[in-house]
Amino acid sequence: KDGYDQVIWTDSIEHKYIEEAGTMNVMVRIGNKILTAPTSERILNGVTRDSVLTLAKDNGYEVEVRPVEVQEMYEAYKAGELKEVFGCGTAVVITQYDAVGFGEERAQLPAIAEEDSFALQLKKKLKDIQYGLADDPYGWRIKIEEQA
């Protein structure tokens, strides 16, 4: 009813920390740093998550895997430092969020050019590896040959 397409789950005890969005891991870009929650019994240690974090680090992005407070995200928004919030998972690879709401708070994310978007750059790099358009230095692709 509030116009959101997805639910970002918070921790079940305090509702203080960001966990996942539906079946996707959530990543928050504050300034030039990507933050994401550590895996747990509730947060999936998925292949796409691992691939995105690997590509981010190898492409010089600063990454922190630690509990991410909802309040920290809103304070960054109010300070103009919240640049992107995105989900990653098998089906979507990466999907950007336009806005994030919590209670009465709403963080409308800034329009960001494709060349400035960490999310879109990482998505392109991962898909290029998947489709054989870029080298695969990680050994993620496996060649499958038909048998006669």
C-alpha atoms as a PDB file:
ATOM      1  CA  LYS A   1       0.000   0.000   0.000  1.00  0.00           C
ATOM      2  CA  ASP A   2       3.004   2.315   0.427  1.00  0.00           C
ATOM      3  CA  GLY A   3       4.177   1.699  -3.141  1.00  0.00           C
ATOM      4  CA  TYR A   4       7.139  -0.569  -2.470  1.00  0.00           C
ATOM      5  CA  ASP A   5       7.800  -3.677  -4.573  1.00  0.00           C
ATOM      6  CA  GLN A   6       9.944  -5.555  -2.066  1.00  0.00           C
ATOM      7  CA  VAL A   7      10.358  -6.026   1.681  1.00  0.00           C
ATOM      8  CA  ILE A   8      13.772  -5.675   3.298  1.00  0.00           C
ATOM      9  CA  TRP A   9      13.808  -7.888   6.355  1.00  0.00           C
ATOM     10  CA  THR A  10      15.419  -6.657   9.558  1.00  0.00           C
ATOM     11  CA  ASP A  11      16.666  -8.686  12.495  1.00  0.00           C
ATOM     12  CA  SER A  12      13.838 -10.370  14.408  1.00  0.00           C
ATOM     13  CA  ILE A  13      14.836  -9.130  17.866  1.00  0.00           C
ATOM     14  CA  GLU A  14      15.368  -5.354  17.582  1.00  0.00           C
ATOM     15  CA  HIS A  15      14.471  -4.586  13.926  1.00  0.00           C
ATOM     16  CA  LYS A  16      17.663  -2.547  13.986  1.00  0.00           C
ATOM     17  CA  TYR A  17      19.794  -4.310  11.359  1.00  0.00           C
ATOM     18  CA  ILE A  18      19.212  -4.914   7.642  1.00  0.00           C
ATOM     19  CA  GLU A  19      19.162  -8.583   6.697  1.00  0.00           C
ATOM     20  CA  GLU A  20      17.700  -9.637   3.325  1.00  0.00           C
ATOM     21  CA  ALA A  21      15.100  -8.523   0.787  1.00  0.00           C
ATOM     22  CA  GLY A  22      12.795 -11.375  -0.092  1.00  0.00           C
ATOM     23  CA  THR A  23      15.221 -13.951  -1.431  1.00  0.00           C
ATOM     24  CA  MET A  24      18.029 -11.494  -2.176  1.00  0.00           C
ATOM     25  CA  ASN A  25      21.028 -10.251  -0.263  1.00  0.00           C
ATOM     26  CA  VAL A  26      20.967  -6.482   0.322  1.00  0.00           C
ATOM     27  CA  MET A  27      23.917  -4.195  -0.326  1.00  0.00           C
ATOM     28  CA  VAL A  28      24.085  -0.538   0.673  1.00  0.00           C
ATOM     29  CA  ARG A  29      26.500   1.951  -0.857  1.00  0.00           C
ATOM     30  CA  ILE A  30      27.389   4.786   1.465  1.00  0.00           C
ATOM     31  CA  GLY A  31      29.863   7.153  -0.163  1.00  0.00           C
ATOM     32  CA  ASN A  32      32.205   4.840  -2.042  1.00  0.00           C
ATOM     33  CA  LYS A  33      31.839   1.904   0.348  1.00  0.00           C
ATOM     34  CA  ILE A  34      29.599  -1.139  -0.146  1.00  0.00           C
ATOM     35  CA  LEU A  35      28.124  -2.547   3.070  1.00  0.00           C
ATOM     36  CA  THR A  36      26.354  -5.868   3.462  1.00  0.00           C
ATOM     37  CA  ALA A  37      25.328  -8.046   6.377  1.00  0.00           C
ATOM     38  CA  PRO A  38      27.369 -11.107   7.290  1.00  0.00           C
ATOM     39  CA  THR A  39      25.861 -14.480   6.487  1.00  0.00           C
ATOM     40  CA  SER A  40      24.029 -16.323   9.234  1.00  0.00           C
ATOM     41  CA  GLU A  41      21.285 -18.896   9.661  1.00  0.00           C
ATOM     42  CA  ARG A  42      18.927 -16.230   8.210  1.00  0.00           C
ATOM     43  CA  ILE A  43      21.176 -14.612   5.600  1.00  0.00           C
ATOM     44  CA  LEU A  44      22.056 -16.789   2.619  1.00  0.00           C
ATOM     45  CA  ASN A  45      25.677 -17.240   1.652  1.00  0.00           C
ATOM     46  CA  GLY A  46      24.750 -17.312  -2.026  1.00  0.00           C
ATOM     47  CA  VAL A  47      26.906 -17.722  -5.113  1.00  0.00           C
ATOM     48  CA  THR A  48      25.728 -14.400  -6.574  1.00  0.00           C
ATOM     49  CA  ARG A  49      26.486 -12.584  -3.309  1.00  0.00           C
ATOM     50  CA  ASP A  50      29.961 -14.096  -3.204  1.00  0.00           C
ATOM     51  CA  SER A  51      30.554 -13.263  -6.890  1.00  0.00           C
ATOM     52  CA  VAL A  52      29.460  -9.637  -6.453  1.00  0.00           C
ATOM     53  CA  LEU A  53      31.653  -9.182  -3.359  1.00  0.00           C
ATOM     54  CA  THR A  54      34.629 -10.783  -5.137  1.00  0.00           C
ATOM     55  CA  LEU A  55      34.206  -8.538  -8.184  1.00  0.00           C
ATOM     56  CA  ALA A  56      33.721  -5.460  -5.993  1.00  0.00           C
ATOM     57  CA  LYS A  57      36.949  -6.067  -4.067  1.00  0.00           C
ATOM     58  CA  ASP A  58      38.927  -6.990  -7.195  1.00  0.00           C
ATOM     59  CA  ASN A  59      37.745  -3.792  -8.920  1.00  0.00           C
ATOM     60  CA  GLY A  60      38.932  -1.590  -6.085  1.00  0.00           C
ATOM     61  CA  TYR A  61      35.636  -0.959  -4.307  1.00  0.00           C
ATOM     62  CA  GLU A  62      35.821  -0.791  -0.538  1.00  0.00           C
ATOM     63  CA  VAL A  63      33.601  -3.513   0.961  1.00  0.00           C
ATOM     64  CA  GLU A  64      32.543  -4.068   4.568  1.00  0.00           C
ATOM     65  CA  VAL A  65      30.737  -7.241   5.599  1.00  0.00           C
ATOM     66  CA  ARG A  66      29.221  -6.367   8.964  1.00  0.00           C
ATOM     67  CA  PRO A  67      25.842  -5.675  10.564  1.00  0.00           C
ATOM     68  CA  VAL A  68      24.290  -2.661   8.816  1.00  0.00           C
ATOM     69  CA  GLU A  69      21.943  -0.559  10.938  1.00  0.00           C
ATOM     70  CA  VAL A  70      18.781   0.857   9.416  1.00  0.00           C
ATOM     71  CA  GLN A  71      19.514   4.094  11.289  1.00  0.00           C
ATOM     72  CA  GLU A  72      22.997   4.274   9.754  1.00  0.00           C
ATOM     73  CA  MET A  73      21.436   4.071   6.293  1.00  0.00           C
ATOM     74  CA  TYR A  74      18.971   6.886   7.070  1.00  0.00           C
ATOM     75  CA  GLU A  75      21.643   9.086   8.601  1.00  0.00           C
ATOM     76  CA  ALA A  76      23.734   8.582   5.446  1.00  0.00           C
ATOM     77  CA  TYR A  77      20.663   9.490   3.360  1.00  0.00           C
ATOM     78  CA  LYS A  78      20.097  12.708   5.309  1.00  0.00           C
ATOM     79  CA  ALA A  79      23.802  13.581   4.913  1.00  0.00           C
ATOM     80  CA  GLY A  80      23.648  12.962   1.151  1.00  0.00           C
ATOM     81  CA  GLU A  81      26.004   9.967   1.394  1.00  0.00           C
ATOM     82  CA  LEU A  82      23.533   7.154   0.600  1.00  0.00           C
ATOM     83  CA  LYS A  83      24.265   6.511  -3.073  1.00  0.00           C
ATOM     84  CA  GLU A  84      22.723   3.098  -3.823  1.00  0.00           C
ATOM     85  CA  VAL A  85      20.794   0.240  -2.259  1.00  0.00           C
ATOM     86  CA  PHE A  86      20.533  -2.946  -4.263  1.00  0.00           C
ATOM     87  CA  GLY A  87      19.657  -6.591  -3.991  1.00  0.00           C
ATOM     88  CA  CYS A  88      21.574  -9.468  -5.502  1.00  0.00           C
ATOM     89  CA  GLY A  89      20.500 -13.008  -6.161  1.00  0.00           C
ATOM     90  CA  THR A  90      20.412 -15.753  -8.755  1.00  0.00           C
ATOM     91  CA  ALA A  91      17.335 -14.654 -10.705  1.00  0.00           C
ATOM     92  CA  VAL A  92      18.036 -10.913 -10.921  1.00  0.00           C
ATOM     93  CA  VAL A  93      21.829 -10.865 -10.552  1.00  0.00           C
ATOM     94  CA  ILE A  94      21.534  -7.272  -9.241  1.00  0.00           C
ATOM     95  CA  THR A  95      18.501  -5.026  -8.966  1.00  0.00           C
ATOM     96  CA  GLN A  96      18.660  -1.419  -7.809  1.00  0.00           C
ATOM     97  CA  TYR A  97      16.136   0.087  -5.418  1.00  0.00           C
ATOM     98  CA  ASP A  98      14.653   3.507  -6.116  1.00  0.00           C
ATOM     99  CA  ALA A  99      13.641   4.176  -2.512  1.00  0.00           C
ATOM    100  CA  VAL A 100      13.761   2.553   0.906  1.00  0.00           C
ATOM    101  CA  GLY A 101      11.165   3.079   3.624  1.00  0.00           C
ATOM    102  CA  PHE A 102      11.072   2.241   7.322  1.00  0.00           C
ATOM    103  CA  GLY A 103       8.147   3.361   9.436  1.00  0.00           C
ATOM    104  CA  GLU A 104       7.455   6.949   8.445  1.00  0.00           C
ATOM    105  CA  GLU A 105      10.948   7.399   6.961  1.00  0.00           C
ATOM    106  CA  ARG A 106      11.475   7.284   3.196  1.00  0.00           C
ATOM    107  CA  ALA A 107      14.856   7.528   1.531  1.00  0.00           C
ATOM    108  CA  GLN A 108      14.385   8.417  -2.133  1.00  0.00           C
ATOM    109  CA  LEU A 109      17.649   7.402  -3.729  1.00  0.00           C
ATOM    110  CA  PRO A 110      19.314   9.808  -6.150  1.00  0.00           C
ATOM    111  CA  ALA A 111      19.225   9.190  -9.879  1.00  0.00           C
ATOM    112  CA  ILE A 112      22.671   7.932 -10.731  1.00  0.00           C
ATOM    113  CA  ALA A 113      24.308   7.666 -14.134  1.00  0.00           C
ATOM    114  CA  GLU A 114      25.096   4.130 -15.265  1.00  0.00           C
ATOM    115  CA  GLU A 115      28.826   4.859 -15.352  1.00  0.00           C
ATOM    116  CA  ASP A 116      28.686   6.032 -11.705  1.00  0.00           C
ATOM    117  CA  SER A 117      26.610   3.125 -10.407  1.00  0.00           C
ATOM    118  CA  PHE A 118      28.609   0.471  -8.564  1.00  0.00           C
ATOM    119  CA  ALA A 119      25.582  -1.853  -8.820  1.00  0.00           C
ATOM    120  CA  LEU A 120      25.280  -1.564 -12.596  1.00  0.00           C
ATOM    121  CA  GLN A 121      29.038  -1.837 -13.140  1.00  0.00           C
ATOM    122  CA  LEU A 122      29.187  -5.014 -11.047  1.00  0.00           C
ATOM    123  CA  LYS A 123      26.149  -6.474 -12.800  1.00  0.00           C
ATOM    124  CA  LYS A 124      27.741  -5.874 -16.198  1.00  0.00           C
ATOM    125  CA  LYS A 125      31.054  -7.401 -15.129  1.00  0.00           C
ATOM    126  CA  LEU A 126      29.348 -10.507 -13.741  1.00  0.00           C
ATOM    127  CA  LYS A 127      27.063 -10.977 -16.748  1.00  0.00           C
ATOM    128  CA  ASP A 128      29.995 -10.461 -19.150  1.00  0.00           C
ATOM    129  CA  ILE A 129      31.821 -13.306 -17.399  1.00  0.00           C
ATOM    130  CA  GLN A 130      28.666 -15.466 -17.413  1.00  0.00           C
ATOM    131  CA  TYR A 131      28.089 -14.924 -21.153  1.00  0.00           C
ATOM    132  CA  GLY A 132      31.729 -15.372 -22.149  1.00  0.00           C
ATOM    133  CA  LEU A 133      32.162 -11.726 -23.146  1.00  0.00           C
ATOM    134  CA  ALA A 134      34.974 -11.214 -20.625  1.00  0.00           C
ATOM    135  CA  ASP A 135      37.782 -13.351 -19.288  1.00  0.00           C
ATOM    136  CA  ASP A 136      36.948 -15.532 -16.299  1.00  0.00           C
ATOM    137  CA  PRO A 137      39.947 -15.278 -13.958  1.00  0.00           C
ATOM    138  CA  TYR A 138      37.972 -17.050 -11.211  1.00  0.00           C
ATOM    139  CA  GLY A 139      37.166 -20.321 -12.961  1.00  0.00           C
ATOM    140  CA  TRP A 140      33.419 -19.715 -12.593  1.00  0.00           C
ATOM    141  CA  ARG A 141      32.563 -20.921 -16.103  1.00  0.00           C
ATOM    142  CA  ILE A 142      32.686 -24.553 -17.058  1.00  0.00           C
ATOM    143  CA  LYS A 143      32.760 -25.607 -20.694  1.00  0.00           C
ATOM    144  CA  ILE A 144      30.134 -28.198 -21.514  1.00  0.00           C
ATOM    145  CA  GLU A 145      30.561 -30.207 -24.678  1.00  0.00           C
ATOM    146  CA  GLU A 146      28.011 -32.373 -26.418  1.00  0.00           C
ATOM    147  CA  GLN A 147      28.700 -36.048 -26.620  1.00  0.00           C
ATOM    148  CA  ALA A 148      28.213 -37.710 -29.970  1.00  0.00           C
END
